Amino acid sequence: MSASIFPTAVKELRFFLSQTGEASVPLRQFLISKYPLIKKANPALPILIREAYGVPPTLTTRYEFGREVKTNLEGLSISDIENTIKGLCK
């Protein structure tokens, strides 16, 4: 994933995943490998990572005016997660 710069309408990214759940493994691997690139390209964008037991992997994107969109990442591969994130950059 190249350094994706999010539009100014994106105000916050919140990743939720399970610490031990198998469904969260691709998201965990994605965050380990791609978080530094995303943060370097978007230093002012808050990126929150929340781990809790038994939580399905999801991404909540907060846009301007407080609008939030929740995206289920369960069952997606690392490349599918990357494509979902890239979709936010359009």
PDB file of N, CA and C in Angstrom:
ATOM      1  N   MET A   1       0.850  -1.177   0.000  1.00  0.00           N
ATOM      2  CA  MET A   1       0.000   0.000   0.000  1.00  0.00           C
ATOM      3  C   MET A   1       0.887   1.228   0.000  1.00  0.00           C
ATOM      4  N   SER A   2       0.703   2.033  -0.991  1.00  0.00           N
ATOM      5  CA  SER A   2       1.442   3.284  -0.995  1.00  0.00           C
ATOM      6  C   SER A   2       0.838   4.205   0.058  1.00  0.00           C
ATOM      7  N   ALA A   3       1.525   5.246   0.355  1.00  0.00           N
ATOM      8  CA  ALA A   3       1.055   6.179   1.370  1.00  0.00           C
ATOM      9  C   ALA A   3      -0.218   6.852   0.866  1.00  0.00           C
ATOM     10  N   SER A   4      -1.349   6.497   1.460  1.00  0.00           N
ATOM     11  CA  SER A   4      -2.625   7.062   1.066  1.00  0.00           C
ATOM     12  C   SER A   4      -2.944   8.257   1.944  1.00  0.00           C
ATOM     13  N   ILE A   5      -3.241   9.355   1.303  1.00  0.00           N
ATOM     14  CA  ILE A   5      -3.617  10.551   2.032  1.00  0.00           C
ATOM     15  C   ILE A   5      -5.136  10.629   2.003  1.00  0.00           C
ATOM     16  N   PHE A   6      -5.735  10.666   3.182  1.00  0.00           N
ATOM     17  CA  PHE A   6      -7.181  10.689   3.282  1.00  0.00           C
ATOM     18  C   PHE A   6      -7.706  12.094   3.030  1.00  0.00           C
ATOM     19  N   PRO A   7      -8.898  12.191   2.460  1.00  0.00           N
ATOM     20  CA  PRO A   7      -9.482  13.514   2.249  1.00  0.00           C
ATOM     21  C   PRO A   7      -9.746  14.210   3.581  1.00  0.00           C
ATOM     22  N   THR A   8      -9.854  15.515   3.559  1.00  0.00           N
ATOM     23  CA  THR A   8     -10.046  16.268   4.799  1.00  0.00           C
ATOM     24  C   THR A   8     -11.391  15.954   5.447  1.00  0.00           C
ATOM     25  N   ALA A   9     -12.323  15.371   4.713  1.00  0.00           N
ATOM     26  CA  ALA A   9     -13.613  14.993   5.296  1.00  0.00           C
ATOM     27  C   ALA A   9     -13.473  13.859   6.300  1.00  0.00           C
ATOM     28  N   VAL A  10     -12.408  13.038   6.191  1.00  0.00           N
ATOM     29  CA  VAL A  10     -12.169  11.959   7.147  1.00  0.00           C
ATOM     30  C   VAL A  10     -11.497  12.564   8.371  1.00  0.00           C
ATOM     31  N   LYS A  11     -12.154  12.441   9.510  1.00  0.00           N
ATOM     32  CA  LYS A  11     -11.658  13.066  10.740  1.00  0.00           C
ATOM     33  C   LYS A  11     -11.036  12.071  11.716  1.00  0.00           C
ATOM     34  N   GLU A  12     -11.367  10.780  11.591  1.00  0.00           N
ATOM     35  CA  GLU A  12     -10.833   9.798  12.543  1.00  0.00           C
ATOM     36  C   GLU A  12     -11.073   8.395  11.999  1.00  0.00           C
ATOM     37  N   LEU A  13     -10.111   7.505  12.253  1.00  0.00           N
ATOM     38  CA  LEU A  13     -10.254   6.084  11.957  1.00  0.00           C
ATOM     39  C   LEU A  13     -10.174   5.320  13.271  1.00  0.00           C
ATOM     40  N   ARG A  14     -11.131   4.411  13.494  1.00  0.00           N
ATOM     41  CA  ARG A  14     -11.120   3.577  14.690  1.00  0.00           C
ATOM     42  C   ARG A  14     -11.180   2.113  14.270  1.00  0.00           C
ATOM     43  N   PHE A  15     -10.131   1.376  14.615  1.00  0.00           N
ATOM     44  CA  PHE A  15     -10.074  -0.054  14.333  1.00  0.00           C
ATOM     45  C   PHE A  15     -10.415  -0.812  15.611  1.00  0.00           C
ATOM     46  N   PHE A  16     -11.327  -1.780  15.502  1.00  0.00           N
ATOM     47  CA  PHE A  16     -11.677  -2.645  16.623  1.00  0.00           C
ATOM     48  C   PHE A  16     -11.323  -4.068  16.237  1.00  0.00           C
ATOM     49  N   LEU A  17     -10.631  -4.765  17.146  1.00  0.00           N
ATOM     50  CA  LEU A  17     -10.258  -6.145  16.873  1.00  0.00           C
ATOM     51  C   LEU A  17     -10.088  -6.913  18.162  1.00  0.00           C
ATOM     52  N   SER A  18     -10.164  -8.228  18.040  1.00  0.00           N
ATOM     53  CA  SER A  18      -9.981  -9.110  19.177  1.00  0.00           C
ATOM     54  C   SER A  18      -8.495  -9.396  19.343  1.00  0.00           C
ATOM     55  N   GLN A  19      -8.066  -9.466  20.598  1.00  0.00           N
ATOM     56  CA  GLN A  19      -6.652  -9.737  20.868  1.00  0.00           C
ATOM     57  C   GLN A  19      -6.256 -11.150  20.472  1.00  0.00           C
ATOM     58  N   THR A  20      -7.189 -12.083  20.589  1.00  0.00           N
ATOM     59  CA  THR A  20      -6.857 -13.486  20.347  1.00  0.00           C
ATOM     60  C   THR A  20      -7.705 -14.137  19.272  1.00  0.00           C
ATOM     61  N   GLY A  21      -8.742 -13.471  18.789  1.00  0.00           N
ATOM     62  CA  GLY A  21      -9.666 -14.083  17.832  1.00  0.00           C
ATOM     63  C   GLY A  21      -9.048 -14.322  16.467  1.00  0.00           C
ATOM     64  N   GLU A  22      -9.391 -15.449  15.881  1.00  0.00           N
ATOM     65  CA  GLU A  22      -8.873 -15.806  14.561  1.00  0.00           C
ATOM     66  C   GLU A  22      -9.375 -14.856  13.484  1.00  0.00           C
ATOM     67  N   ALA A  23     -10.590 -14.349  13.645  1.00  0.00           N
ATOM     68  CA  ALA A  23     -11.155 -13.446  12.640  1.00  0.00           C
ATOM     69  C   ALA A  23     -10.391 -12.126  12.563  1.00  0.00           C
ATOM     70  N   SER A  24      -9.687 -11.773  13.635  1.00  0.00           N
ATOM     71  CA  SER A  24      -8.957 -10.502  13.683  1.00  0.00           C
ATOM     72  C   SER A  24      -7.510 -10.603  13.205  1.00  0.00           C
ATOM     73  N   VAL A  25      -7.056 -11.798  12.883  1.00  0.00           N
ATOM     74  CA  VAL A  25      -5.655 -11.987  12.479  1.00  0.00           C
ATOM     75  C   VAL A  25      -5.295 -11.150  11.244  1.00  0.00           C
ATOM     76  N   PRO A  26      -6.096 -11.168  10.161  1.00  0.00           N
ATOM     77  CA  PRO A  26      -5.712 -10.344   8.999  1.00  0.00           C
ATOM     78  C   PRO A  26      -5.651  -8.851   9.327  1.00  0.00           C
ATOM     79  N   LEU A  27      -6.588  -8.348  10.123  1.00  0.00           N
ATOM     80  CA  LEU A  27      -6.562  -6.931  10.486  1.00  0.00           C
ATOM     81  C   LEU A  27      -5.337  -6.625  11.341  1.00  0.00           C
ATOM     82  N   ARG A  28      -5.020  -7.493  12.262  1.00  0.00           N
ATOM     83  CA  ARG A  28      -3.840  -7.293  13.104  1.00  0.00           C
ATOM     84  C   ARG A  28      -2.576  -7.244  12.250  1.00  0.00           C
ATOM     85  N   GLN A  29      -2.451  -8.160  11.297  1.00  0.00           N
ATOM     86  CA  GLN A  29      -1.286  -8.176  10.412  1.00  0.00           C
ATOM     87  C   GLN A  29      -1.243  -6.937   9.523  1.00  0.00           C
ATOM     88  N   PHE A  30      -2.407  -6.504   9.058  1.00  0.00           N
ATOM     89  CA  PHE A  30      -2.470  -5.285   8.251  1.00  0.00           C
ATOM     90  C   PHE A  30      -1.977  -4.092   9.060  1.00  0.00           C
ATOM     91  N   LEU A  31      -2.449  -3.962  10.289  1.00  0.00           N
ATOM     92  CA  LEU A  31      -2.052  -2.823  11.115  1.00  0.00           C
ATOM     93  C   LEU A  31      -0.560  -2.851  11.446  1.00  0.00           C
ATOM     94  N   ILE A  32      -0.025  -4.026  11.692  1.00  0.00           N
ATOM     95  CA  ILE A  32       1.405  -4.137  11.992  1.00  0.00           C
ATOM     96  C   ILE A  32       2.245  -3.678  10.796  1.00  0.00           C
ATOM     97  N   SER A  33       1.820  -4.048   9.606  1.00  0.00           N
ATOM     98  CA  SER A  33       2.642  -3.728   8.432  1.00  0.00           C
ATOM     99  C   SER A  33       2.337  -2.359   7.818  1.00  0.00           C
ATOM    100  N   LYS A  34       1.109  -1.898   7.889  1.00  0.00           N
ATOM    101  CA  LYS A  34       0.727  -0.687   7.154  1.00  0.00           C
ATOM    102  C   LYS A  34       0.485   0.546   8.023  1.00  0.00           C
ATOM    103  N   TYR A  35       0.295   0.379   9.311  1.00  0.00           N
ATOM    104  CA  TYR A  35       0.039   1.536  10.175  1.00  0.00           C
ATOM    105  C   TYR A  35       1.115   2.621  10.041  1.00  0.00           C
ATOM    106  N   PRO A  36       2.407   2.275  10.075  1.00  0.00           N
ATOM    107  CA  PRO A  36       3.428   3.340   9.957  1.00  0.00           C
ATOM    108  C   PRO A  36       3.302   4.147   8.668  1.00  0.00           C
ATOM    109  N   LEU A  37       2.980   3.499   7.550  1.00  0.00           N
ATOM    110  CA  LEU A  37       2.829   4.217   6.281  1.00  0.00           C
ATOM    111  C   LEU A  37       1.615   5.142   6.309  1.00  0.00           C
ATOM    112  N   ILE A  38       0.505   4.648   6.842  1.00  0.00           N
ATOM    113  CA  ILE A  38      -0.710   5.461   6.900  1.00  0.00           C
ATOM    114  C   ILE A  38      -0.491   6.668   7.806  1.00  0.00           C
ATOM    115  N   LYS A  39       0.125   6.431   8.967  1.00  0.00           N
ATOM    116  CA  LYS A  39       0.328   7.518   9.922  1.00  0.00           C
ATOM    117  C   LYS A  39       1.329   8.543   9.392  1.00  0.00           C
ATOM    118  N   LYS A  40       2.352   8.079   8.685  1.00  0.00           N
ATOM    119  CA  LYS A  40       3.339   9.003   8.123  1.00  0.00           C
ATOM    120  C   LYS A  40       2.706   9.902   7.069  1.00  0.00           C
ATOM    121  N   ALA A  41       1.791   9.351   6.282  1.00  0.00           N
ATOM    122  CA  ALA A  41       1.126  10.131   5.244  1.00  0.00           C
ATOM    123  C   ALA A  41       0.028  11.032   5.799  1.00  0.00           C
ATOM    124  N   ASN A  42      -0.478  10.690   7.001  1.00  0.00           N
ATOM    125  CA  ASN A  42      -1.586  11.433   7.606  1.00  0.00           C
ATOM    126  C   ASN A  42      -1.272  11.716   9.074  1.00  0.00           C
ATOM    127  N   PRO A  43      -0.253  12.520   9.363  1.00  0.00           N
ATOM    128  CA  PRO A  43       0.181  12.684  10.760  1.00  0.00           C
ATOM    129  C   PRO A  43      -0.856  13.337  11.677  1.00  0.00           C
ATOM    130  N   ALA A  44      -1.758  14.131  11.138  1.00  0.00           N
ATOM    131  CA  ALA A  44      -2.748  14.811  11.983  1.00  0.00           C
ATOM    132  C   ALA A  44      -4.032  14.005  12.153  1.00  0.00           C
ATOM    133  N   LEU A  45      -4.178  12.918  11.412  1.00  0.00           N
ATOM    134  CA  LEU A  45      -5.392  12.106  11.487  1.00  0.00           C
ATOM    135  C   LEU A  45      -5.331  11.167  12.685  1.00  0.00           C
ATOM    136  N   PRO A  46      -6.306  11.261  13.605  1.00  0.00           N
ATOM    137  CA  PRO A  46      -6.328  10.316  14.723  1.00  0.00           C
ATOM    138  C   PRO A  46      -6.665   8.906  14.220  1.00  0.00           C
ATOM    139  N   ILE A  47      -5.795   7.960  14.543  1.00  0.00           N
ATOM    140  CA  ILE A  47      -6.019   6.554  14.211  1.00  0.00           C
ATOM    141  C   ILE A  47      -6.015   5.791  15.528  1.00  0.00           C
ATOM    142  N   LEU A  48      -7.186   5.287  15.908  1.00  0.00           N
ATOM    143  CA  LEU A  48      -7.338   4.599  17.181  1.00  0.00           C
ATOM    144  C   LEU A  48      -7.436   3.103  16.938  1.00  0.00           C
ATOM    145  N   ILE A  49      -6.745   2.339  17.769  1.00  0.00           N
ATOM    146  CA  ILE A  49      -6.782   0.878  17.684  1.00  0.00           C
ATOM    147  C   ILE A  49      -7.284   0.375  19.020  1.00  0.00           C
ATOM    148  N   ARG A  50      -8.431  -0.285  18.997  1.00  0.00           N
ATOM    149  CA  ARG A  50      -9.065  -0.779  20.214  1.00  0.00           C
ATOM    150  C   ARG A  50      -9.110  -2.295  20.176  1.00  0.00           C
ATOM    151  N   GLU A  51      -8.514  -2.919  21.170  1.00  0.00           N
ATOM    152  CA  GLU A  51      -8.522  -4.373  21.276  1.00  0.00           C
ATOM    153  C   GLU A  51      -9.400  -4.782  22.450  1.00  0.00           C
ATOM    154  N   ALA A  52     -10.235  -5.779  22.208  1.00  0.00           N
ATOM    155  CA  ALA A  52     -11.087  -6.317  23.264  1.00  0.00           C
ATOM    156  C   ALA A  52     -11.394  -7.775  22.928  1.00  0.00           C
ATOM    157  N   TYR A  53     -11.577  -8.561  23.943  1.00  0.00           N
ATOM    158  CA  TYR A  53     -11.817  -9.984  23.764  1.00  0.00           C
ATOM    159  C   TYR A  53     -13.159 -10.217  23.065  1.00  0.00           C
ATOM    160  N   GLY A  54     -13.134 -10.998  21.996  1.00  0.00           N
ATOM    161  CA  GLY A  54     -14.347 -11.413  21.321  1.00  0.00           C
ATOM    162  C   GLY A  54     -14.997 -10.381  20.409  1.00  0.00           C
ATOM    163  N   VAL A  55     -14.320  -9.288  20.144  1.00  0.00           N
ATOM    164  CA  VAL A  55     -14.879  -8.239  19.291  1.00  0.00           C
ATOM    165  C   VAL A  55     -14.594  -8.576  17.833  1.00  0.00           C
ATOM    166  N   PRO A  56     -15.608  -8.480  16.954  1.00  0.00           N
ATOM    167  CA  PRO A  56     -15.336  -8.726  15.531  1.00  0.00           C
ATOM    168  C   PRO A  56     -14.515  -7.576  14.945  1.00  0.00           C
ATOM    169  N   PRO A  57     -13.671  -7.861  13.966  1.00  0.00           N
ATOM    170  CA  PRO A  57     -12.853  -6.799  13.373  1.00  0.00           C
ATOM    171  C   PRO A  57     -13.727  -5.813  12.579  1.00  0.00           C
ATOM    172  N   THR A  58     -13.657  -4.557  12.972  1.00  0.00           N
ATOM    173  CA  THR A  58     -14.430  -3.518  12.299  1.00  0.00           C
ATOM    174  C   THR A  58     -13.609  -2.241  12.191  1.00  0.00           C
ATOM    175  N   LEU A  59     -14.037  -1.389  11.281  1.00  0.00           N
ATOM    176  CA  LEU A  59     -13.452  -0.071  11.109  1.00  0.00           C
ATOM    177  C   LEU A  59     -14.584   0.936  11.191  1.00  0.00           C
ATOM    178  N   THR A  60     -14.454   1.903  12.079  1.00  0.00           N
ATOM    179  CA  THR A  60     -15.405   2.998  12.147  1.00  0.00           C
ATOM    180  C   THR A  60     -14.686   4.249  11.660  1.00  0.00           C
ATOM    181  N   THR A  61     -15.258   4.872  10.650  1.00  0.00           N
ATOM    182  CA  THR A  61     -14.689   6.081  10.068  1.00  0.00           C
ATOM    183  C   THR A  61     -15.580   7.250  10.440  1.00  0.00           C
ATOM    184  N   ARG A  62     -14.985   8.255  11.075  1.00  0.00           N
ATOM    185  CA  ARG A  62     -15.750   9.457  11.415  1.00  0.00           C
ATOM    186  C   ARG A  62     -15.422  10.532  10.389  1.00  0.00           C
ATOM    187  N   TYR A  63     -16.493  11.075   9.817  1.00  0.00           N
ATOM    188  CA  TYR A  63     -16.367  12.134   8.824  1.00  0.00           C
ATOM    189  C   TYR A  63     -16.740  13.469   9.451  1.00  0.00           C
ATOM    190  N   GLU A  64     -16.574  14.531   8.697  1.00  0.00           N
ATOM    191  CA  GLU A  64     -16.947  15.839   9.222  1.00  0.00           C
ATOM    192  C   GLU A  64     -18.446  15.852   9.537  1.00  0.00           C
ATOM    193  N   PHE A  65     -18.817  16.758  10.419  1.00  0.00           N
ATOM    194  CA  PHE A  65     -20.181  16.909  10.916  1.00  0.00           C
ATOM    195  C   PHE A  65     -20.628  15.716  11.756  1.00  0.00           C
ATOM    196  N   GLY A  66     -19.674  14.902  12.237  1.00  0.00           N
ATOM    197  CA  GLY A  66     -19.978  13.807  13.148  1.00  0.00           C
ATOM    198  C   GLY A  66     -20.558  12.554  12.522  1.00  0.00           C
ATOM    199  N   ARG A  67     -20.642  12.490  11.223  1.00  0.00           N
ATOM    200  CA  ARG A  67     -21.177  11.289  10.562  1.00  0.00           C
ATOM    201  C   ARG A  67     -20.169  10.155  10.701  1.00  0.00           C
ATOM    202  N   GLU A  68     -20.670   8.966  11.099  1.00  0.00           N
ATOM    203  CA  GLU A  68     -19.814   7.797  11.263  1.00  0.00           C
ATOM    204  C   GLU A  68     -20.310   6.654  10.402  1.00  0.00           C
ATOM    205  N   VAL A  69     -19.352   5.934   9.829  1.00  0.00           N
ATOM    206  CA  VAL A  69     -19.655   4.770   9.007  1.00  0.00           C
ATOM    207  C   VAL A  69     -18.880   3.595   9.577  1.00  0.00           C
ATOM    208  N   LYS A  70     -19.600   2.516   9.893  1.00  0.00           N
ATOM    209  CA  LYS A  70     -18.980   1.320  10.454  1.00  0.00           C
ATOM    210  C   LYS A  70     -18.870   0.269   9.350  1.00  0.00           C
ATOM    211  N   THR A  71     -17.659  -0.270   9.185  1.00  0.00           N
ATOM    212  CA  THR A  71     -17.389  -1.260   8.147  1.00  0.00           C
ATOM    213  C   THR A  71     -16.943  -2.556   8.799  1.00  0.00           C
ATOM    214  N   ASN A  72     -17.628  -3.635   8.484  1.00  0.00           N
ATOM    215  CA  ASN A  72     -17.265  -4.945   9.020  1.00  0.00           C
ATOM    216  C   ASN A  72     -16.099  -5.504   8.214  1.00  0.00           C
ATOM    217  N   LEU A  73     -15.017  -5.881   8.888  1.00  0.00           N
ATOM    218  CA  LEU A  73     -13.829  -6.410   8.213  1.00  0.00           C
ATOM    219  C   LEU A  73     -13.676  -7.918   8.428  1.00  0.00           C
ATOM    220  N   GLU A  74     -14.671  -8.530   9.022  1.00  0.00           N
ATOM    221  CA  GLU A  74     -14.609  -9.962   9.314  1.00  0.00           C
ATOM    222  C   GLU A  74     -14.628 -10.763   8.018  1.00  0.00           C
ATOM    223  N   GLY A  75     -13.730 -11.719   7.914  1.00  0.00           N
ATOM    224  CA  GLY A  75     -13.656 -12.584   6.748  1.00  0.00           C
ATOM    225  C   GLY A  75     -12.872 -11.994   5.582  1.00  0.00           C
ATOM    226  N   LEU A  76     -12.331 -10.792   5.750  1.00  0.00           N
ATOM    227  CA  LEU A  76     -11.555 -10.170   4.683  1.00  0.00           C
ATOM    228  C   LEU A  76     -10.074 -10.526   4.822  1.00  0.00           C
ATOM    229  N   SER A  77      -9.419 -10.646   3.687  1.00  0.00           N
ATOM    230  CA  SER A  77      -7.975 -10.872   3.690  1.00  0.00           C
ATOM    231  C   SER A  77      -7.265  -9.535   3.876  1.00  0.00           C
ATOM    232  N   ILE A  78      -5.959  -9.585   4.022  1.00  0.00           N
ATOM    233  CA  ILE A  78      -5.176  -8.357   4.188  1.00  0.00           C
ATOM    234  C   ILE A  78      -5.356  -7.452   2.965  1.00  0.00           C
ATOM    235  N   SER A  79      -5.345  -8.031   1.770  1.00  0.00           N
ATOM    236  CA  SER A  79      -5.500  -7.206   0.562  1.00  0.00           C
ATOM    237  C   SER A  79      -6.913  -6.625   0.472  1.00  0.00           C
ATOM    238  N   ASP A  80      -7.921  -7.365   0.936  1.00  0.00           N
ATOM    239  CA  ASP A  80      -9.286  -6.834   0.943  1.00  0.00           C
ATOM    240  C   ASP A  80      -9.408  -5.675   1.933  1.00  0.00           C
ATOM    241  N   ILE A  81      -8.755  -5.795   3.073  1.00  0.00           N
ATOM    242  CA  ILE A  81      -8.754  -4.710   4.064  1.00  0.00           C
ATOM    243  C   ILE A  81      -8.077  -3.486   3.472  1.00  0.00           C
ATOM    244  N   GLU A  82      -6.968  -3.703   2.783  1.00  0.00           N
ATOM    245  CA  GLU A  82      -6.250  -2.603   2.139  1.00  0.00           C
ATOM    246  C   GLU A  82      -7.130  -1.910   1.104  1.00  0.00           C
ATOM    247  N   ASN A  83      -7.869  -2.676   0.318  1.00  0.00           N
ATOM    248  CA  ASN A  83      -8.764  -2.086  -0.676  1.00  0.00           C
ATOM    249  C   ASN A  83      -9.901  -1.313  -0.021  1.00  0.00           C
ATOM    250  N   THR A  84     -10.385  -1.792   1.108  1.00  0.00           N
ATOM    251  CA  THR A  84     -11.428  -1.073   1.852  1.00  0.00           C
ATOM    252  C   THR A  84     -10.900   0.255   2.331  1.00  0.00           C
ATOM    253  N   ILE A  85      -9.672   0.275   2.854  1.00  0.00           N
ATOM    254  CA  ILE A  85      -9.060   1.511   3.330  1.00  0.00           C
ATOM    255  C   ILE A  85      -8.829   2.462   2.156  1.00  0.00           C
ATOM    256  N   LYS A  86      -8.372   1.938   1.038  1.00  0.00           N
ATOM    257  CA  LYS A  86      -8.141   2.773  -0.140  1.00  0.00           C
ATOM    258  C   LYS A  86      -9.440   3.405  -0.622  1.00  0.00           C
ATOM    259  N   GLY A  87     -10.554   2.700  -0.442  1.00  0.00           N
ATOM    260  CA  GLY A  87     -11.853   3.238  -0.835  1.00  0.00           C
ATOM    261  C   GLY A  87     -12.208   4.501  -0.073  1.00  0.00           C
ATOM    262  N   LEU A  88     -11.659   4.679   1.115  1.00  0.00           N
ATOM    263  CA  LEU A  88     -11.915   5.871   1.903  1.00  0.00           C
ATOM    264  C   LEU A  88     -11.184   7.083   1.331  1.00  0.00           C
ATOM    265  N   CYS A  89     -10.189   6.833   0.527  1.00  0.00           N
ATOM    266  CA  CYS A  89      -9.358   7.917  -0.009  1.00  0.00           C
ATOM    267  C   CYS A  89      -9.947   8.555  -1.262  1.00  0.00           C
ATOM    268  N   LYS A  90     -11.072   8.068  -1.702  1.00  0.00           N
ATOM    269  CA  LYS A  90     -11.671   8.597  -2.929  1.00  0.00           C
ATOM    270  C   LYS A  90     -12.621   9.719  -2.628  1.00  0.00           C
TER     271      LYS A  90
END
